[in-house]
Amino acid sequence: MTYFFETYGCQMNIAESAAVEQLFLARGWQKADDVQKADIVVINTCSVRATAEQRIFGRLGFFSGLKAVRVKMPGAKNKSLEIAAEFVKDGAKPLTLVVMGCMAERLLHSLKKDWPCVDYVVGTFAKKNFGKIISAVEDASREGNGLSSNSISAASVFELDDSSKYEFAAVSLEQGAFSSFVPIMHGCNNFCTYCIVPYVRGREISRDVNSILKELDVLSKYGVKEITLLGQNVNSYFCENSDFGKIDFPALLKIISRHLEKTNSPIKWIRFESSHPKDFSDALIEVIATEARVCKFIHLPVQHGSTKILQKMNRRYSRENYLELVKKIRARIPDVALTTDIMLGFPGESEEDFSEAISLMREVRYDNAFMYYYNPREGTPAAEWDEQIPLEEKKSRLQKIINLQLEITSQNLRERVGQIVTVLAEKQSRDNPNEILGKTERDERVAFSAPKKLLGNFAEVKLLELNGNTFKGELIN
């Protein structure tokens, strides 16, 4: 039997999809080449922005039509039927549709009612039920009556409990990958006024240290070379019930580094995302500076350059606090790569506030940035405020920030030409089978000629020139 995943949103969603995929693989399922060949489709959803949810609603419209064609399910709109019919092959079989993730949690009690094509809605805390879902689909297949919203047998129906306790998966490795996400904490206690995450992910919970180390041992056996520690607020990690005593994030990085060294692990790079500036301690800076396996790469979301707007966002630091933190980081780690998130058009943002955002970007000179305009989210305080910025003005301000950052990124990258750097060879180039694509410790993209056997290994590469944001390199050894 076959499965297919569609994953939207953050890296945590990617990790959670990979963890659920392990359940399918353990049961002997195979990954479908495309969606129309799958017995079950899992959509892992995002609720951070309304545009993300609109994309998913569009996909649900498609699947409504696809399922109607497959099992003659009534109620689908004619347009959906016409679109889906183009994708259905001869001998099409019934399809089970599962929706999981943040949007599933937000619409836990209404999604299936509004979209009958959905067979299961799996909230944030109910992923442990996937084994039951897989068994139900397997049973229905053996009985010859494919599982759908209109043909599901009573024996296959069960209540998906949605308790408040989040359970970390044992392994979140994507099949065949040399890099892997490792969730270490979940949820958020910050309640930024624009953000829906605390409402759909819940309060912060940190993973036990031994559980993390066990996953690293598994990843090492699979030949993984790089890990990214994940959390909605990763540097607020704190575990007090571990065999190691009370462990905060800097201490965890040291424990992981010592463990990888002791076990002679092939994992040479440790990254982490996303960090909150208010929790970025001097101890964490020191660990990044001194631990060889911890990448000198920091994603440090600023969100805005105006103290007034940061206070309205409930970010718990000022512009001055943030700039002082950047100064300390660069003094201790001179070769650090810094990236950020920044939001424009927040309610009440004046031209002066916007100018402060521009000036902060110019002062810090980030290597890259994720830039977006404020998108009201139902249920968050900022969505109800007056002084909402008109959409066209938000788009205009965002474009100015994008243009500035593109210029800074290009200048920073050009300064790197001629240097010799370590690159993790990740995959063959689609355009040139003799070229390999890889990335540096600073998360820069590099293309260089090398044999296929180099894939999954580290190599020394000289950066010869820049093509867009990708370096052309020459293999040194």
Protein backbone atom coordinates (compact mmCIF):
# COMPACT_ATOMS: atom_id res chain seq x y z
CA MET A 1 0.00 0.00 0.00
CA THR A 2 1.13 3.57 -0.63
CA TYR A 3 1.15 6.91 1.19
CA PHE A 4 1.74 10.53 0.19
CA PHE A 5 2.55 13.57 2.37
CA GLU A 6 1.88 17.24 1.66
CA THR A 7 3.65 19.34 4.30
CA TYR A 8 3.15 23.07 4.75
CA GLY A 9 4.71 25.53 7.17
CA CYS A 10 7.65 25.36 9.52
CA GLN A 11 10.54 22.97 10.07
CA MET A 12 8.71 21.42 13.01
CA ASN A 13 6.00 20.32 10.58
CA ILE A 14 8.65 18.79 8.32
CA ALA A 15 10.07 16.89 11.30
CA GLU A 16 6.63 15.69 12.41
CA SER A 17 5.77 14.51 8.89
CA ALA A 18 9.04 12.58 8.79
CA ALA A 19 8.25 11.00 12.16
CA VAL A 20 4.80 9.85 11.01
CA GLU A 21 6.31 8.57 7.75
CA GLN A 22 8.46 6.22 9.84
CA LEU A 23 5.25 4.55 11.03
CA PHE A 24 4.19 3.84 7.45
CA LEU A 25 7.63 2.50 6.52
CA ALA A 26 7.70 0.23 9.59
CA ARG A 27 4.42 -1.31 8.38
CA GLY A 28 5.82 -2.01 4.93
CA TRP A 29 4.09 0.83 3.10
CA GLN A 30 5.74 2.56 0.14
CA LYS A 31 5.87 6.24 -0.77
CA ALA A 32 3.68 6.99 -3.80
CA ASP A 33 5.24 8.77 -6.77
CA ASP A 34 2.36 11.21 -6.87
CA VAL A 35 -0.89 11.86 -5.07
CA GLN A 36 -3.23 10.10 -7.50
CA LYS A 37 -1.51 6.77 -6.82
CA ALA A 38 -1.73 6.90 -3.02
CA ASP A 39 -4.00 4.87 -0.76
CA ILE A 40 -3.70 7.52 1.94
CA VAL A 41 -2.77 11.21 1.76
CA VAL A 42 -1.64 13.13 4.84
CA ILE A 43 -1.79 16.93 4.72
CA ASN A 44 0.32 18.51 7.47
CA THR A 45 -1.02 22.02 7.88
CA CYS A 46 0.08 25.47 9.04
CA SER A 47 -1.96 28.23 10.71
CA VAL A 48 0.69 30.92 11.19
CA ARG A 49 -0.75 33.03 8.35
CA ALA A 50 -4.17 33.13 6.73
CA THR A 51 -2.56 32.64 3.30
CA ALA A 52 -1.22 29.25 4.45
CA GLU A 53 -4.72 28.13 5.42
CA GLN A 54 -6.18 29.38 2.13
CA ARG A 55 -3.71 27.21 0.22
CA ILE A 56 -4.82 24.19 2.24
CA PHE A 57 -8.50 24.94 1.67
CA GLY A 58 -7.67 24.97 -2.04
CA ARG A 59 -6.07 21.54 -1.73
CA LEU A 60 -9.10 20.24 0.17
CA GLY A 61 -11.25 21.38 -2.75
CA PHE A 62 -9.05 19.37 -5.08
CA PHE A 63 -9.19 16.28 -2.88
CA SER A 64 -12.94 16.61 -2.56
CA GLY A 65 -13.15 16.26 -6.32
CA LEU A 66 -10.53 13.52 -6.44
CA LYS A 67 -12.37 11.41 -3.88
CA ALA A 68 -15.70 12.02 -5.62
CA VAL A 69 -14.28 10.63 -8.85
CA ARG A 70 -12.67 7.68 -7.07
CA VAL A 71 -15.58 6.55 -4.94
CA LYS A 72 -18.51 8.44 -6.50
CA MET A 73 -18.87 10.43 -3.31
CA PRO A 74 -21.80 12.89 -3.64
CA GLY A 75 -21.65 16.54 -2.81
CA ALA A 76 -18.52 17.64 -4.70
CA LYS A 77 -18.74 20.73 -6.87
CA ASN A 78 -18.66 20.22 -10.63
CA LYS A 79 -15.45 22.22 -11.04
CA SER A 80 -13.69 20.05 -8.47
CA LEU A 81 -14.86 16.95 -10.32
CA GLU A 82 -13.57 18.26 -13.65
CA ILE A 83 -10.14 19.12 -12.21
CA ALA A 84 -9.81 15.85 -10.31
CA ALA A 85 -10.89 13.74 -13.29
CA GLU A 86 -7.80 14.87 -15.16
CA PHE A 87 -5.59 13.33 -12.46
CA VAL A 88 -7.36 10.01 -11.94
CA LYS A 89 -5.90 7.04 -13.78
CA ASP A 90 -7.79 3.98 -14.99
CA GLY A 91 -8.61 1.66 -12.14
CA ALA A 92 -8.54 4.44 -9.53
CA LYS A 93 -9.02 3.26 -5.97
CA PRO A 94 -10.56 4.83 -2.87
CA LEU A 95 -8.50 7.39 -1.00
CA THR A 96 -8.17 8.10 2.72
CA LEU A 97 -7.48 11.75 3.55
CA VAL A 98 -5.90 12.79 6.87
CA VAL A 99 -5.37 16.40 7.98
CA MET A 100 -2.89 17.04 10.79
CA GLY A 101 -0.90 19.98 12.16
CA CYS A 102 -1.71 23.44 13.49
CA MET A 103 -4.70 24.11 11.24
CA ALA A 104 -6.13 20.73 12.23
CA GLU A 105 -5.78 21.71 15.90
CA ARG A 106 -7.36 25.13 15.34
CA LEU A 107 -10.34 23.67 13.45
CA LEU A 108 -10.41 20.38 15.34
CA HIS A 109 -14.19 20.26 15.77
CA SER A 110 -15.31 21.84 12.50
CA LEU A 111 -12.95 20.77 9.73
CA LYS A 112 -14.46 17.35 9.04
CA LYS A 113 -17.97 18.79 9.13
CA ASP A 114 -17.09 21.55 6.67
CA TRP A 115 -15.05 19.23 4.45
CA PRO A 116 -16.63 15.74 4.25
CA CYS A 117 -13.73 14.60 2.06
CA VAL A 118 -11.54 14.54 5.21
CA ASP A 119 -11.56 11.15 6.95
CA TYR A 120 -9.44 12.02 9.98
CA VAL A 121 -8.51 15.28 11.70
CA VAL A 122 -5.43 14.74 13.86
CA GLY A 123 -4.74 17.56 16.30
CA THR A 124 -1.36 18.58 17.67
CA PHE A 125 -1.53 16.18 20.60
CA ALA A 126 -3.16 13.18 18.89
CA LYS A 127 -0.44 11.94 16.53
CA LYS A 128 -0.12 8.76 18.61
CA ASN A 129 -3.34 7.63 16.90
CA PHE A 130 -1.69 7.29 13.50
CA GLY A 131 -1.02 3.62 14.16
CA LYS A 132 -4.78 3.09 14.54
CA ILE A 133 -5.48 5.06 11.37
CA ILE A 134 -3.01 2.96 9.38
CA SER A 135 -4.55 -0.23 10.75
CA ALA A 136 -8.05 0.96 9.82
CA VAL A 137 -6.97 1.64 6.23
CA GLU A 138 -5.21 -1.74 6.00
CA ASP A 139 -8.30 -3.54 7.36
CA ALA A 140 -10.59 -1.75 4.91
CA SER A 141 -8.28 -2.66 2.03
CA ARG A 142 -8.27 -6.34 3.01
CA GLU A 143 -12.07 -6.29 3.19
CA GLY A 144 -12.18 -4.74 -0.27
CA ASN A 145 -14.17 -1.67 0.74
CA GLY A 146 -11.84 1.31 0.49
CA LEU A 147 -11.98 3.81 3.33
CA SER A 148 -13.70 7.10 2.61
CA SER A 149 -15.97 9.52 4.39
CA ASN A 150 -19.00 7.72 2.94
CA SER A 151 -17.80 4.12 2.98
CA ILE A 152 -15.95 3.85 6.28
CA SER A 153 -17.17 0.88 8.29
CA ALA A 154 -18.43 1.36 11.83
CA ALA A 155 -15.67 -0.90 13.13
CA SER A 156 -13.07 1.52 11.79
CA VAL A 157 -14.52 4.58 13.52
CA PHE A 158 -12.88 5.61 16.80
CA GLU A 159 -12.58 8.77 18.80
CA LEU A 160 -9.26 10.59 18.37
CA ASP A 161 -8.48 11.78 21.87
CA ASP A 162 -6.80 15.16 21.97
CA SER A 163 -5.17 15.36 25.37
CA SER A 164 -2.97 18.28 26.37
CA LYS A 165 0.19 16.20 26.61
CA TYR A 166 2.53 16.44 23.64
CA GLU A 167 4.55 13.33 22.83
CA PHE A 168 7.89 13.57 21.00
CA ALA A 169 8.53 11.05 18.24
CA ALA A 170 11.48 8.70 18.64
CA VAL A 171 12.98 9.63 15.25
CA SER A 172 12.17 12.41 12.75
CA LEU A 173 14.53 11.41 9.93
CA GLU A 174 13.46 11.86 6.30
CA GLN A 175 14.31 8.74 4.33
CA GLY A 176 17.76 8.93 2.73
CA ALA A 177 18.61 12.39 4.11
CA PHE A 178 22.05 13.41 5.34
CA SER A 179 20.56 16.17 7.48
CA SER A 180 17.84 15.71 10.06
CA PHE A 181 15.61 17.82 12.29
CA VAL A 182 15.58 16.85 15.96
CA PRO A 183 12.70 18.39 17.96
CA ILE A 184 13.84 19.12 21.52
CA MET A 185 11.02 21.31 22.81
CA HIS A 186 7.47 22.07 21.80
CA GLY A 187 5.03 24.90 22.34
CA CYS A 188 5.50 28.50 23.37
CA ASN A 189 4.89 30.60 26.50
CA ASN A 190 5.60 34.00 24.95
CA PHE A 191 2.21 35.00 23.53
CA CYS A 192 3.43 37.54 21.01
CA THR A 193 0.31 39.53 20.17
CA TYR A 194 0.35 38.57 16.47
CA CYS A 195 1.07 34.85 16.89
CA ILE A 196 -1.33 31.91 17.01
CA VAL A 197 1.33 29.29 17.88
CA PRO A 198 0.69 29.18 21.68
CA TYR A 199 -2.99 28.52 20.98
CA VAL A 200 -2.44 25.60 18.59
CA ARG A 201 0.83 24.19 19.95
CA GLY A 202 0.22 24.73 23.66
CA ARG A 203 2.62 25.60 26.45
CA GLU A 204 6.33 24.84 26.35
CA ILE A 205 7.46 21.32 27.08
CA SER A 206 11.07 20.14 26.84
CA ARG A 207 12.16 16.68 25.71
CA ASP A 208 14.15 14.42 28.02
CA VAL A 209 17.90 14.54 27.38
CA ASN A 210 18.24 10.74 27.14
CA SER A 211 15.51 10.61 24.51
CA ILE A 212 17.40 13.18 22.43
CA LEU A 213 20.67 11.24 22.72
CA LYS A 214 18.94 8.00 21.71
CA GLU A 215 17.64 9.66 18.56
CA LEU A 216 21.14 10.94 17.77
CA ASP A 217 22.46 7.38 18.05
CA VAL A 218 19.86 6.22 15.52
CA LEU A 219 20.68 9.10 13.17
CA SER A 220 24.38 8.27 13.46
CA LYS A 221 23.71 4.68 12.38
CA TYR A 222 21.91 6.02 9.30
CA GLY A 223 24.95 8.14 8.39
CA VAL A 224 23.41 11.55 9.14
CA LYS A 225 26.03 14.32 9.06
CA GLU A 226 24.07 17.33 10.29
CA ILE A 227 21.26 17.94 12.78
CA THR A 228 19.05 20.93 13.48
CA LEU A 229 17.61 21.12 16.99
CA LEU A 230 14.05 22.42 16.78
CA GLY A 231 11.62 24.25 19.01
CA GLN A 232 9.13 27.08 18.70
CA ASN A 233 11.47 28.85 21.14
CA VAL A 234 14.41 26.47 21.10
CA ASN A 235 16.73 28.32 23.48
CA SER A 236 14.13 28.31 26.25
CA TYR A 237 14.74 24.55 26.56
CA PHE A 238 14.86 23.42 30.17
CA CYS A 239 14.70 19.86 31.47
CA GLU A 240 14.86 19.29 35.22
CA ASN A 241 13.94 15.61 35.37
CA SER A 242 16.84 14.21 33.38
CA ASP A 243 19.67 11.96 34.53
CA PHE A 244 21.91 15.00 34.07
CA GLY A 245 20.06 17.19 36.57
CA LYS A 246 18.66 20.57 35.58
CA ILE A 247 19.67 21.22 31.98
CA ASP A 248 19.19 24.45 30.04
CA PHE A 249 19.89 24.95 26.34
CA PRO A 250 23.62 25.81 26.53
CA ALA A 251 24.17 22.77 28.79
CA LEU A 252 22.23 20.58 26.34
CA LEU A 253 24.48 21.69 23.46
CA LYS A 254 27.54 20.70 25.51
CA ILE A 255 26.04 17.31 26.39
CA ILE A 256 25.19 16.63 22.76
CA SER A 257 28.67 17.67 21.61
CA ARG A 258 30.36 15.42 24.18
CA HIS A 259 28.06 12.50 23.28
CA LEU A 260 28.75 12.81 19.55
CA GLU A 261 32.48 12.97 20.25
CA LYS A 262 32.39 9.99 22.63
CA THR A 263 30.42 7.80 20.20
CA ASN A 264 32.54 8.85 17.22
CA SER A 265 29.38 9.99 15.46
CA PRO A 266 29.43 11.05 11.79
CA ILE A 267 27.27 14.04 12.85
CA LYS A 268 29.69 16.97 12.56
CA TRP A 269 27.34 19.96 12.44
CA ILE A 270 24.78 21.04 15.04
CA ARG A 271 22.32 23.82 14.20
CA PHE A 272 19.26 25.12 16.05
CA GLU A 273 16.11 27.10 15.24
CA SER A 274 14.34 29.26 16.17
CA SER A 275 15.85 31.22 19.01
CA HIS A 276 14.25 34.09 20.90
CA PRO A 277 16.49 37.12 21.60
CA LYS A 278 15.22 37.43 25.18
CA ASP A 279 16.57 33.93 25.98
CA PHE A 280 19.91 34.28 24.17
CA SER A 281 22.32 34.16 27.10
CA ASP A 282 26.04 34.84 27.39
CA ALA A 283 26.46 31.14 28.17
CA LEU A 284 24.86 30.23 24.83
CA ILE A 285 27.16 32.63 22.97
CA GLU A 286 30.15 31.00 24.67
CA VAL A 287 29.03 27.49 23.70
CA ILE A 288 28.62 28.49 20.05
CA ALA A 289 32.05 30.10 20.10
CA THR A 290 33.88 27.16 21.69
CA GLU A 291 32.13 23.97 20.56
CA ALA A 292 33.53 22.83 17.21
CA ARG A 293 30.40 20.93 16.14
CA VAL A 294 28.03 23.85 16.79
CA CYS A 295 27.69 25.83 13.57
CA LYS A 296 28.62 29.49 13.63
CA PHE A 297 25.20 30.27 12.22
CA ILE A 298 22.44 31.95 14.22
CA HIS A 299 18.87 32.63 13.19
CA LEU A 300 17.85 35.48 15.50
CA PRO A 301 14.33 36.78 14.72
CA VAL A 302 14.07 40.50 15.40
CA GLN A 303 10.52 41.00 14.02
CA HIS A 304 10.91 44.80 13.99
CA GLY A 305 13.34 47.67 14.49
CA SER A 306 11.12 49.99 16.52
CA THR A 307 10.97 49.61 20.29
CA LYS A 308 7.39 50.90 20.25
CA ILE A 309 6.31 48.17 17.83
CA LEU A 310 8.33 45.50 19.65
CA GLN A 311 6.48 46.40 22.84
CA LYS A 312 3.13 46.16 21.05
CA MET A 313 4.22 42.76 19.75
CA ASN A 314 5.08 41.67 23.33
CA ARG A 315 8.58 40.66 22.23
CA ARG A 316 10.09 41.55 25.66
CA TYR A 317 13.19 43.32 24.36
CA SER A 318 13.91 46.74 22.90
CA ARG A 319 15.74 47.77 19.78
CA GLU A 320 18.70 48.69 21.97
CA ASN A 321 18.64 45.30 23.75
CA TYR A 322 18.68 43.50 20.42
CA LEU A 323 21.52 45.53 18.93
CA GLU A 324 23.59 45.04 22.08
CA LEU A 325 23.04 41.27 21.78
CA VAL A 326 24.20 41.33 18.16
CA LYS A 327 27.27 43.30 19.21
CA LYS A 328 28.14 40.70 21.88
CA ILE A 329 27.65 37.82 19.47
CA ARG A 330 29.91 39.33 16.81
CA ALA A 331 32.57 40.29 19.35
CA ARG A 332 32.82 36.69 20.57
CA ILE A 333 32.12 34.95 17.21
CA PRO A 334 33.59 37.24 14.52
CA ASP A 335 32.81 34.87 11.62
CA VAL A 336 29.19 34.25 12.63
CA ALA A 337 26.41 34.22 10.02
CA LEU A 338 23.26 36.01 11.17
CA THR A 339 19.77 35.64 9.70
CA THR A 340 16.43 36.94 10.95
CA ASP A 341 12.65 37.25 10.61
CA ILE A 342 11.11 40.69 10.21
CA MET A 343 7.47 41.77 9.94
CA LEU A 344 6.23 44.99 8.36
CA GLY A 345 2.85 46.66 8.58
CA PHE A 346 2.02 45.80 12.18
CA PRO A 347 -0.99 47.74 13.58
CA GLY A 348 0.04 51.27 14.49
CA GLU A 349 3.32 51.16 12.54
CA SER A 350 4.15 54.73 11.54
CA GLU A 351 6.57 55.89 8.87
CA GLU A 352 9.04 56.60 11.67
CA ASP A 353 8.68 53.03 12.96
CA PHE A 354 9.22 51.70 9.46
CA SER A 355 12.34 53.86 9.10
CA GLU A 356 13.68 52.31 12.30
CA ALA A 357 13.18 48.84 10.82
CA ILE A 358 15.10 49.91 7.72
CA SER A 359 17.94 51.41 9.77
CA LEU A 360 18.25 48.27 11.94
CA MET A 361 18.55 46.09 8.84
CA ARG A 362 21.29 48.38 7.53
CA GLU A 363 23.12 48.36 10.85
CA VAL A 364 23.04 44.60 11.44
CA ARG A 365 23.52 43.61 7.77
CA TYR A 366 21.98 40.15 8.03
CA ASP A 367 23.23 37.44 5.70
CA ASN A 368 19.62 36.61 4.92
CA ALA A 369 16.13 37.30 6.21
CA PHE A 370 12.62 35.92 6.10
CA MET A 371 10.48 38.99 5.43
CA TYR A 372 6.71 39.25 5.48
CA TYR A 373 3.90 41.69 6.19
CA TYR A 374 1.53 41.41 9.13
CA ASN A 375 -1.37 39.04 8.51
CA PRO A 376 -4.14 39.17 11.16
CA ARG A 377 -4.85 35.81 12.78
CA GLU A 378 -8.24 35.19 14.33
CA GLY A 379 -7.94 34.71 18.08
CA THR A 380 -4.81 36.82 18.58
CA PRO A 381 -4.94 40.25 20.30
CA ALA A 382 -3.44 42.25 17.40
CA ALA A 383 -6.18 41.09 15.03
CA GLU A 384 -8.73 43.11 17.01
CA TRP A 385 -6.74 46.33 17.24
CA ASP A 386 -7.45 49.59 15.48
CA GLU A 387 -4.80 51.27 13.31
CA GLN A 388 -4.57 48.33 10.91
CA ILE A 389 -2.28 49.24 8.01
CA PRO A 390 -3.85 49.11 4.51
CA LEU A 391 -2.74 46.07 2.49
CA GLU A 392 -1.16 48.10 -0.30
CA GLU A 393 0.93 50.06 2.21
CA LYS A 394 2.05 46.82 3.89
CA LYS A 395 3.10 45.42 0.51
CA SER A 396 4.96 48.61 -0.36
CA ARG A 397 6.92 48.63 2.91
CA LEU A 398 7.68 44.93 2.60
CA GLN A 399 9.06 45.38 -0.92
CA LYS A 400 11.41 48.13 0.27
CA ILE A 401 12.76 45.83 3.00
CA ILE A 402 13.15 42.97 0.50
CA ASN A 403 15.06 45.17 -1.94
CA LEU A 404 17.41 46.32 0.85
CA GLN A 405 18.07 42.79 2.12
CA LEU A 406 18.70 41.44 -1.39
CA GLU A 407 21.36 44.12 -1.83
CA ILE A 408 22.98 43.34 1.54
CA THR A 409 22.89 39.58 0.94
CA SER A 410 24.53 39.99 -2.45
CA GLN A 411 27.28 42.20 -1.01
CA ASN A 412 27.95 39.77 1.84
CA LEU A 413 28.14 36.79 -0.51
CA ARG A 414 30.47 38.55 -2.96
CA GLU A 415 32.91 39.17 -0.11
CA ARG A 416 33.13 35.38 0.34
CA VAL A 417 34.39 34.68 -3.20
CA GLY A 418 37.93 33.28 -3.12
CA GLN A 419 37.62 31.64 0.30
CA ILE A 420 38.07 27.91 0.95
CA VAL A 421 35.17 26.49 2.96
CA THR A 422 33.88 23.15 4.22
CA VAL A 423 30.81 21.94 2.31
CA LEU A 424 28.38 19.11 3.04
CA ALA A 425 27.65 17.45 -0.32
CA GLU A 426 23.88 16.90 -0.33
CA LYS A 427 22.62 16.00 -3.81
CA GLN A 428 23.38 15.88 -7.51
CA SER A 429 22.52 18.90 -9.59
CA ARG A 430 19.43 18.48 -11.81
CA ASP A 431 21.00 20.61 -14.50
CA ASN A 432 24.44 18.97 -14.52
CA PRO A 433 24.87 15.33 -13.35
CA ASN A 434 28.60 15.96 -12.91
CA GLU A 435 27.93 18.67 -10.35
CA ILE A 436 27.03 18.33 -6.68
CA LEU A 437 25.04 20.80 -4.64
CA GLY A 438 26.00 21.35 -1.04
CA LYS A 439 25.92 23.86 1.77
CA THR A 440 28.43 25.52 4.04
CA GLU A 441 28.41 25.91 7.81
CA ARG A 442 26.91 29.36 7.17
CA ASP A 443 24.05 27.70 5.21
CA GLU A 444 25.29 29.04 1.85
CA ARG A 445 24.58 27.05 -1.33
CA VAL A 446 27.51 25.78 -3.40
CA ALA A 447 27.63 23.92 -6.73
CA PHE A 448 30.86 22.17 -7.71
CA SER A 449 32.11 19.36 -9.94
CA ALA A 450 32.69 16.15 -7.99
CA PRO A 451 32.02 12.40 -8.26
CA LYS A 452 28.68 11.06 -7.02
CA LYS A 453 30.43 9.03 -4.31
CA LEU A 454 31.13 12.30 -2.47
CA LEU A 455 27.43 12.65 -1.60
CA GLY A 456 26.87 12.65 2.14
CA ASN A 457 30.45 13.66 2.89
CA PHE A 458 32.24 16.86 3.79
CA ALA A 459 34.65 18.44 1.31
CA GLU A 460 36.91 21.47 1.08
CA VAL A 461 35.76 23.74 -1.72
CA LYS A 462 37.10 27.03 -3.06
CA LEU A 463 34.39 29.59 -3.84
CA LEU A 464 35.14 30.81 -7.38
CA GLU A 465 32.17 32.98 -8.32
CA LEU A 466 28.60 33.83 -7.46
CA ASN A 467 25.55 32.99 -9.58
CA GLY A 468 22.52 34.57 -7.93
CA ASN A 469 22.75 33.35 -4.34
CA THR A 470 24.58 30.13 -5.22
CA PHE A 471 28.37 29.86 -5.31
CA LYS A 472 30.24 28.08 -8.08
CA GLY A 473 33.06 26.20 -6.39
CA GLU A 474 36.11 24.06 -7.07
CA LEU A 475 36.80 20.86 -5.12
CA ILE A 476 40.08 21.08 -3.21
CA ASN A 477 40.07 17.62 -1.61
